[in-house]
Amino acid sequence: MERIHPIKGLDILVNAFLHVIKQNPEIHLLLAGDDETGYESEVRKWVEANGIRDKVMFTGMIEGEAKKKFY
């Protein structure tokens, strides 16, 4: 939960998540981290284009006790 960056493979994650929600439509995806490079806007476009905006939450950086709760 450090950063939203191209090296993290979020393109692969979004595509995989599309398959997961077919099996479990109640599931949601939480993407946490700072957007150091502006990459989050690209990821948001993929989410929107695939019609899963209501299934994906972008939280920004999560630290401390809150981070432990998400794990």
PDB file of N, CA and C in Angstrom:
ATOM      1  N   MET A   1       0.831  -1.179   0.000  1.00  0.00           N
ATOM      2  CA  MET A   1       0.000   0.000   0.000  1.00  0.00           C
ATOM      3  C   MET A   1       0.877   1.245   0.000  1.00  0.00           C
ATOM      4  N   GLU A   2       1.840   1.250  -0.875  1.00  0.00           N
ATOM      5  CA  GLU A   2       2.776   2.350  -0.894  1.00  0.00           C
ATOM      6  C   GLU A   2       2.467   3.382  -1.972  1.00  0.00           C
ATOM      7  N   ARG A   3       2.257   2.925  -3.196  1.00  0.00           N
ATOM      8  CA  ARG A   3       2.082   3.872  -4.290  1.00  0.00           C
ATOM      9  C   ARG A   3       1.338   3.228  -5.438  1.00  0.00           C
ATOM     10  N   ILE A   4       0.723   4.063  -6.231  1.00  0.00           N
ATOM     11  CA  ILE A   4       0.087   3.605  -7.465  1.00  0.00           C
ATOM     12  C   ILE A   4       1.068   3.956  -8.576  1.00  0.00           C
ATOM     13  N   HIS A   5       1.659   2.921  -9.171  1.00  0.00           N
ATOM     14  CA  HIS A   5       2.755   3.106 -10.108  1.00  0.00           C
ATOM     15  C   HIS A   5       2.668   2.017 -11.187  1.00  0.00           C
ATOM     16  N   PRO A   6       3.090   2.307 -12.416  1.00  0.00           N
ATOM     17  CA  PRO A   6       3.022   1.307 -13.488  1.00  0.00           C
ATOM     18  C   PRO A   6       3.730  -0.006 -13.158  1.00  0.00           C
ATOM     19  N   ILE A   7       4.768   0.040 -12.364  1.00  0.00           N
ATOM     20  CA  ILE A   7       5.513  -1.176 -12.028  1.00  0.00           C
ATOM     21  C   ILE A   7       4.672  -2.164 -11.211  1.00  0.00           C
ATOM     22  N   LYS A   8       3.596  -1.706 -10.617  1.00  0.00           N
ATOM     23  CA  LYS A   8       2.759  -2.543  -9.748  1.00  0.00           C
ATOM     24  C   LYS A   8       1.851  -3.506 -10.511  1.00  0.00           C
ATOM     25  N   GLY A   9       1.733  -3.350 -11.816  1.00  0.00           N
ATOM     26  CA  GLY A   9       0.922  -4.276 -12.603  1.00  0.00           C
ATOM     27  C   GLY A   9      -0.576  -4.100 -12.428  1.00  0.00           C
ATOM     28  N   LEU A  10      -1.014  -2.889 -12.206  1.00  0.00           N
ATOM     29  CA  LEU A  10      -2.438  -2.666 -11.981  1.00  0.00           C
ATOM     30  C   LEU A  10      -3.279  -2.943 -13.228  1.00  0.00           C
ATOM     31  N   ASP A  11      -2.671  -2.873 -14.402  1.00  0.00           N
ATOM     32  CA  ASP A  11      -3.390  -3.254 -15.611  1.00  0.00           C
ATOM     33  C   ASP A  11      -3.765  -4.731 -15.559  1.00  0.00           C
ATOM     34  N   ILE A  12      -2.858  -5.553 -15.083  1.00  0.00           N
ATOM     35  CA  ILE A  12      -3.119  -6.989 -14.930  1.00  0.00           C
ATOM     36  C   ILE A  12      -4.150  -7.217 -13.838  1.00  0.00           C
ATOM     37  N   LEU A  13      -4.025  -6.480 -12.743  1.00  0.00           N
ATOM     38  CA  LEU A  13      -4.959  -6.620 -11.630  1.00  0.00           C
ATOM     39  C   LEU A  13      -6.379  -6.260 -12.044  1.00  0.00           C
ATOM     40  N   VAL A  14      -6.550  -5.165 -12.761  1.00  0.00           N
ATOM     41  CA  VAL A  14      -7.897  -4.758 -13.202  1.00  0.00           C
ATOM     42  C   VAL A  14      -8.491  -5.829 -14.112  1.00  0.00           C
ATOM     43  N   ASN A  15      -7.701  -6.361 -15.036  1.00  0.00           N
ATOM     44  CA  ASN A  15      -8.210  -7.419 -15.918  1.00  0.00           C
ATOM     45  C   ASN A  15      -8.574  -8.680 -15.139  1.00  0.00           C
ATOM     46  N   ALA A  16      -7.748  -9.045 -14.172  1.00  0.00           N
ATOM     47  CA  ALA A  16      -8.050 -10.215 -13.348  1.00  0.00           C
ATOM     48  C   ALA A  16      -9.305  -9.982 -12.516  1.00  0.00           C
ATOM     49  N   PHE A  17      -9.446  -8.777 -11.997  1.00  0.00           N
ATOM     50  CA  PHE A  17     -10.609  -8.447 -11.180  1.00  0.00           C
ATOM     51  C   PHE A  17     -11.902  -8.586 -11.987  1.00  0.00           C
ATOM     52  N   LEU A  18     -11.853  -8.275 -13.270  1.00  0.00           N
ATOM     53  CA  LEU A  18     -13.033  -8.447 -14.128  1.00  0.00           C
ATOM     54  C   LEU A  18     -13.503  -9.892 -14.124  1.00  0.00           C
ATOM     55  N   HIS A  19     -12.581 -10.819 -14.103  1.00  0.00           N
ATOM     56  CA  HIS A  19     -12.936 -12.245 -14.059  1.00  0.00           C
ATOM     57  C   HIS A  19     -13.447 -12.647 -12.677  1.00  0.00           C
ATOM     58  N   VAL A  20     -12.851 -12.089 -11.646  1.00  0.00           N
ATOM     59  CA  VAL A  20     -13.247 -12.412 -10.282  1.00  0.00           C
ATOM     60  C   VAL A  20     -14.686 -11.971 -10.014  1.00  0.00           C
ATOM     61  N   ILE A  21     -15.052 -10.776 -10.457  1.00  0.00           N
ATOM     62  CA  ILE A  21     -16.404 -10.300 -10.145  1.00  0.00           C
ATOM     63  C   ILE A  21     -17.479 -11.058 -10.914  1.00  0.00           C
ATOM     64  N   LYS A  22     -17.097 -11.748 -11.983  1.00  0.00           N
ATOM     65  CA  LYS A  22     -18.074 -12.613 -12.663  1.00  0.00           C
ATOM     66  C   LYS A  22     -18.476 -13.775 -11.756  1.00  0.00           C
ATOM     67  N   GLN A  23     -17.531 -14.258 -10.969  1.00  0.00           N
ATOM     68  CA  GLN A  23     -17.787 -15.363 -10.048  1.00  0.00           C
ATOM     69  C   GLN A  23     -18.373 -14.887  -8.717  1.00  0.00           C
ATOM     70  N   ASN A  24     -18.002 -13.671  -8.320  1.00  0.00           N
ATOM     71  CA  ASN A  24     -18.448 -13.138  -7.040  1.00  0.00           C
ATOM     72  C   ASN A  24     -18.775 -11.654  -7.201  1.00  0.00           C
ATOM     73  N   PRO A  25     -19.974 -11.331  -7.669  1.00  0.00           N
ATOM     74  CA  PRO A  25     -20.323  -9.940  -7.965  1.00  0.00           C
ATOM     75  C   PRO A  25     -20.381  -9.021  -6.752  1.00  0.00           C
ATOM     76  N   GLU A  26     -20.316  -9.556  -5.552  1.00  0.00           N
ATOM     77  CA  GLU A  26     -20.360  -8.730  -4.349  1.00  0.00           C
ATOM     78  C   GLU A  26     -18.987  -8.225  -3.919  1.00  0.00           C
ATOM     79  N   ILE A  27     -17.936  -8.733  -4.534  1.00  0.00           N
ATOM     80  CA  ILE A  27     -16.577  -8.374  -4.117  1.00  0.00           C
ATOM     81  C   ILE A  27     -16.205  -6.973  -4.607  1.00  0.00           C
ATOM     82  N   HIS A  28     -15.316  -6.315  -3.864  1.00  0.00           N
ATOM     83  CA  HIS A  28     -14.820  -4.984  -4.215  1.00  0.00           C
ATOM     84  C   HIS A  28     -13.296  -4.989  -4.174  1.00  0.00           C
ATOM     85  N   LEU A  29     -12.710  -4.057  -4.885  1.00  0.00           N
ATOM     86  CA  LEU A  29     -11.260  -3.917  -4.946  1.00  0.00           C
ATOM     87  C   LEU A  29     -10.866  -2.573  -4.345  1.00  0.00           C
ATOM     88  N   LEU A  30      -9.921  -2.605  -3.436  1.00  0.00           N
ATOM     89  CA  LEU A  30      -9.422  -1.383  -2.815  1.00  0.00           C
ATOM     90  C   LEU A  30      -7.997  -1.153  -3.324  1.00  0.00           C
ATOM     91  N   LEU A  31      -7.764   0.002  -3.905  1.00  0.00           N
ATOM     92  CA  LEU A  31      -6.435   0.382  -4.372  1.00  0.00           C
ATOM     93  C   LEU A  31      -5.942   1.536  -3.513  1.00  0.00           C
ATOM     94  N   ALA A  32      -4.872   1.276  -2.785  1.00  0.00           N
ATOM     95  CA  ALA A  32      -4.352   2.265  -1.848  1.00  0.00           C
ATOM     96  C   ALA A  32      -2.934   2.659  -2.232  1.00  0.00           C
ATOM     97  N   GLY A  33      -2.607   3.897  -1.985  1.00  0.00           N
ATOM     98  CA  GLY A  33      -1.255   4.382  -2.213  1.00  0.00           C
ATOM     99  C   GLY A  33      -1.263   5.760  -2.829  1.00  0.00           C
ATOM    100  N   ASP A  34      -0.111   6.399  -2.722  1.00  0.00           N
ATOM    101  CA  ASP A  34       0.054   7.716  -3.333  1.00  0.00           C
ATOM    102  C   ASP A  34       0.187   7.578  -4.842  1.00  0.00           C
ATOM    103  N   ASP A  35      -0.236   8.589  -5.542  1.00  0.00           N
ATOM    104  CA  ASP A  35      -0.120   8.634  -7.002  1.00  0.00           C
ATOM    105  C   ASP A  35       1.032   9.571  -7.354  1.00  0.00           C
ATOM    106  N   GLU A  36       2.251   9.041  -7.328  1.00  0.00           N
ATOM    107  CA  GLU A  36       3.448   9.851  -7.544  1.00  0.00           C
ATOM    108  C   GLU A  36       3.646  10.256  -9.001  1.00  0.00           C
ATOM    109  N   THR A  37       3.107   9.467  -9.920  1.00  0.00           N
ATOM    110  CA  THR A  37       3.423   9.668 -11.335  1.00  0.00           C
ATOM    111  C   THR A  37       2.230  10.085 -12.190  1.00  0.00           C
ATOM    112  N   GLY A  38       1.049  10.192 -11.585  1.00  0.00           N
ATOM    113  CA  GLY A  38      -0.149  10.492 -12.362  1.00  0.00           C
ATOM    114  C   GLY A  38      -0.785   9.254 -12.975  1.00  0.00           C
ATOM    115  N   TYR A  39      -0.278   8.091 -12.626  1.00  0.00           N
ATOM    116  CA  TYR A  39      -0.753   6.819 -13.171  1.00  0.00           C
ATOM    117  C   TYR A  39      -2.171   6.478 -12.721  1.00  0.00           C
ATOM    118  N   GLU A  40      -2.565   6.992 -11.572  1.00  0.00           N
ATOM    119  CA  GLU A  40      -3.909   6.688 -11.062  1.00  0.00           C
ATOM    120  C   GLU A  40      -4.985   7.083 -12.070  1.00  0.00           C
ATOM    121  N   SER A  41      -4.807   8.176 -12.768  1.00  0.00           N
ATOM    122  CA  SER A  41      -5.827   8.602 -13.737  1.00  0.00           C
ATOM    123  C   SER A  41      -5.978   7.578 -14.848  1.00  0.00           C
ATOM    124  N   GLU A  42      -4.886   6.938 -15.236  1.00  0.00           N
ATOM    125  CA  GLU A  42      -4.959   5.888 -16.259  1.00  0.00           C
ATOM    126  C   GLU A  42      -5.707   4.670 -15.717  1.00  0.00           C
ATOM    127  N   VAL A  43      -5.406   4.296 -14.497  1.00  0.00           N
ATOM    128  CA  VAL A  43      -6.086   3.156 -13.874  1.00  0.00           C
ATOM    129  C   VAL A  43      -7.577   3.463 -13.738  1.00  0.00           C
ATOM    130  N   ARG A  44      -7.907   4.678 -13.337  1.00  0.00           N
ATOM    131  CA  ARG A  44      -9.319   5.073 -13.232  1.00  0.00           C
ATOM    132  C   ARG A  44     -10.026   4.982 -14.584  1.00  0.00           C
ATOM    133  N   LYS A  45      -9.344   5.309 -15.657  1.00  0.00           N
ATOM    134  CA  LYS A  45      -9.928   5.187 -16.998  1.00  0.00           C
ATOM    135  C   LYS A  45     -10.240   3.735 -17.324  1.00  0.00           C
ATOM    136  N   TRP A  46      -9.333   2.801 -16.974  1.00  0.00           N
ATOM    137  CA  TRP A  46      -9.595   1.380 -17.207  1.00  0.00           C
ATOM    138  C   TRP A  46     -10.801   0.915 -16.405  1.00  0.00           C
ATOM    139  N   VAL A  47     -10.855   1.343 -15.159  1.00  0.00           N
ATOM    140  CA  VAL A  47     -11.974   0.970 -14.283  1.00  0.00           C
ATOM    141  C   VAL A  47     -13.288   1.477 -14.875  1.00  0.00           C
ATOM    142  N   GLU A  48     -13.297   2.727 -15.287  1.00  0.00           N
ATOM    143  CA  GLU A  48     -14.496   3.329 -15.883  1.00  0.00           C
ATOM    144  C   GLU A  48     -14.878   2.636 -17.192  1.00  0.00           C
ATOM    145  N   ALA A  49     -13.894   2.401 -18.052  1.00  0.00           N
ATOM    146  CA  ALA A  49     -14.149   1.779 -19.354  1.00  0.00           C
ATOM    147  C   ALA A  49     -14.730   0.377 -19.216  1.00  0.00           C
ATOM    148  N   ASN A  50     -14.387  -0.296 -18.131  1.00  0.00           N
ATOM    149  CA  ASN A  50     -14.882  -1.653 -17.904  1.00  0.00           C
ATOM    150  C   ASN A  50     -16.148  -1.696 -17.059  1.00  0.00           C
ATOM    151  N   GLY A  51     -16.675  -0.518 -16.722  1.00  0.00           N
ATOM    152  CA  GLY A  51     -17.944  -0.462 -16.011  1.00  0.00           C
ATOM    153  C   GLY A  51     -17.897  -0.974 -14.583  1.00  0.00           C
ATOM    154  N   ILE A  52     -16.742  -0.839 -13.929  1.00  0.00           N
ATOM    155  CA  ILE A  52     -16.624  -1.361 -12.568  1.00  0.00           C
ATOM    156  C   ILE A  52     -16.296  -0.259 -11.551  1.00  0.00           C
ATOM    157  N   ARG A  53     -16.628   0.965 -11.890  1.00  0.00           N
ATOM    158  CA  ARG A  53     -16.341   2.087 -10.994  1.00  0.00           C
ATOM    159  C   ARG A  53     -16.955   1.884  -9.613  1.00  0.00           C
ATOM    160  N   ASP A  54     -18.120   1.266  -9.545  1.00  0.00           N
ATOM    161  CA  ASP A  54     -18.773   1.039  -8.253  1.00  0.00           C
ATOM    162  C   ASP A  54     -18.145  -0.111  -7.471  1.00  0.00           C
ATOM    163  N   LYS A  55     -17.203  -0.820  -8.077  1.00  0.00           N
ATOM    164  CA  LYS A  55     -16.545  -1.962  -7.434  1.00  0.00           C
ATOM    165  C   LYS A  55     -15.122  -1.659  -6.990  1.00  0.00           C
ATOM    166  N   VAL A  56     -14.588  -0.499  -7.379  1.00  0.00           N
ATOM    167  CA  VAL A  56     -13.185  -0.183  -7.096  1.00  0.00           C
ATOM    168  C   VAL A  56     -13.102   1.108  -6.293  1.00  0.00           C
ATOM    169  N   MET A  57     -12.342   1.074  -5.196  1.00  0.00           N
ATOM    170  CA  MET A  57     -12.168   2.245  -4.344  1.00  0.00           C
ATOM    171  C   MET A  57     -10.690   2.636  -4.332  1.00  0.00           C
ATOM    172  N   PHE A  58     -10.429   3.903  -4.572  1.00  0.00           N
ATOM    173  CA  PHE A  58      -9.092   4.475  -4.465  1.00  0.00           C
ATOM    174  C   PHE A  58      -9.041   5.250  -3.153  1.00  0.00           C
ATOM    175  N   THR A  59      -8.107   4.905  -2.272  1.00  0.00           N
ATOM    176  CA  THR A  59      -8.097   5.514  -0.943  1.00  0.00           C
ATOM    177  C   THR A  59      -6.979   6.520  -0.710  1.00  0.00           C
ATOM    178  N   GLY A  60      -5.994   6.546  -1.575  1.00  0.00           N
ATOM    179  CA  GLY A  60      -4.801   7.314  -1.248  1.00  0.00           C
ATOM    180  C   GLY A  60      -3.957   6.498  -0.278  1.00  0.00           C
ATOM    181  N   MET A  61      -2.977   7.135   0.340  1.00  0.00           N
ATOM    182  CA  MET A  61      -2.078   6.450   1.261  1.00  0.00           C
ATOM    183  C   MET A  61      -2.813   6.038   2.531  1.00  0.00           C
ATOM    184  N   ILE A  62      -2.538   4.821   2.977  1.00  0.00           N
ATOM    185  CA  ILE A  62      -3.055   4.320   4.253  1.00  0.00           C
ATOM    186  C   ILE A  62      -1.843   3.955   5.098  1.00  0.00           C
ATOM    187  N   GLU A  63      -1.801   4.468   6.330  1.00  0.00           N
ATOM    188  CA  GLU A  63      -0.644   4.232   7.188  1.00  0.00           C
ATOM    189  C   GLU A  63      -1.067   3.815   8.590  1.00  0.00           C
ATOM    190  N   GLY A  64      -0.093   3.376   9.349  1.00  0.00           N
ATOM    191  CA  GLY A  64      -0.286   3.089  10.769  1.00  0.00           C
ATOM    192  C   GLY A  64      -1.301   2.005  11.057  1.00  0.00           C
ATOM    193  N   GLU A  65      -2.129   2.245  12.068  1.00  0.00           N
ATOM    194  CA  GLU A  65      -3.128   1.267  12.501  1.00  0.00           C
ATOM    195  C   GLU A  65      -4.152   0.977  11.405  1.00  0.00           C
ATOM    196  N   ALA A  66      -4.508   1.992  10.650  1.00  0.00           N
ATOM    197  CA  ALA A  66      -5.472   1.782   9.559  1.00  0.00           C
ATOM    198  C   ALA A  66      -4.924   0.781   8.543  1.00  0.00           C
ATOM    199  N   LYS A  67      -3.645   0.878   8.245  1.00  0.00           N
ATOM    200  CA  LYS A  67      -3.009  -0.044   7.291  1.00  0.00           C
ATOM    201  C   LYS A  67      -3.077  -1.480   7.806  1.00  0.00           C
ATOM    202  N   LYS A  68      -2.830  -1.651   9.097  1.00  0.00           N
ATOM    203  CA  LYS A  68      -2.899  -2.987   9.696  1.00  0.00           C
ATOM    204  C   LYS A  68      -4.301  -3.578   9.549  1.00  0.00           C
ATOM    205  N   LYS A  69      -5.311  -2.762   9.708  1.00  0.00           N
ATOM    206  CA  LYS A  69      -6.692  -3.239   9.599  1.00  0.00           C
ATOM    207  C   LYS A  69      -7.000  -3.730   8.186  1.00  0.00           C
ATOM    208  N   PHE A  70      -6.448  -3.072   7.183  1.00  0.00           N
ATOM    209  CA  PHE A  70      -6.718  -3.480   5.802  1.00  0.00           C
ATOM    210  C   PHE A  70      -6.013  -4.793   5.456  1.00  0.00           C
ATOM    211  N   TYR A  71      -4.878  -5.056   6.088  1.00  0.00           N
ATOM    212  CA  TYR A  71      -4.209  -6.331   5.854  1.00  0.00           C
ATOM    213  C   TYR A  71      -5.001  -7.435   6.495  1.00  0.00           C
TER     214      TYR A  71
END
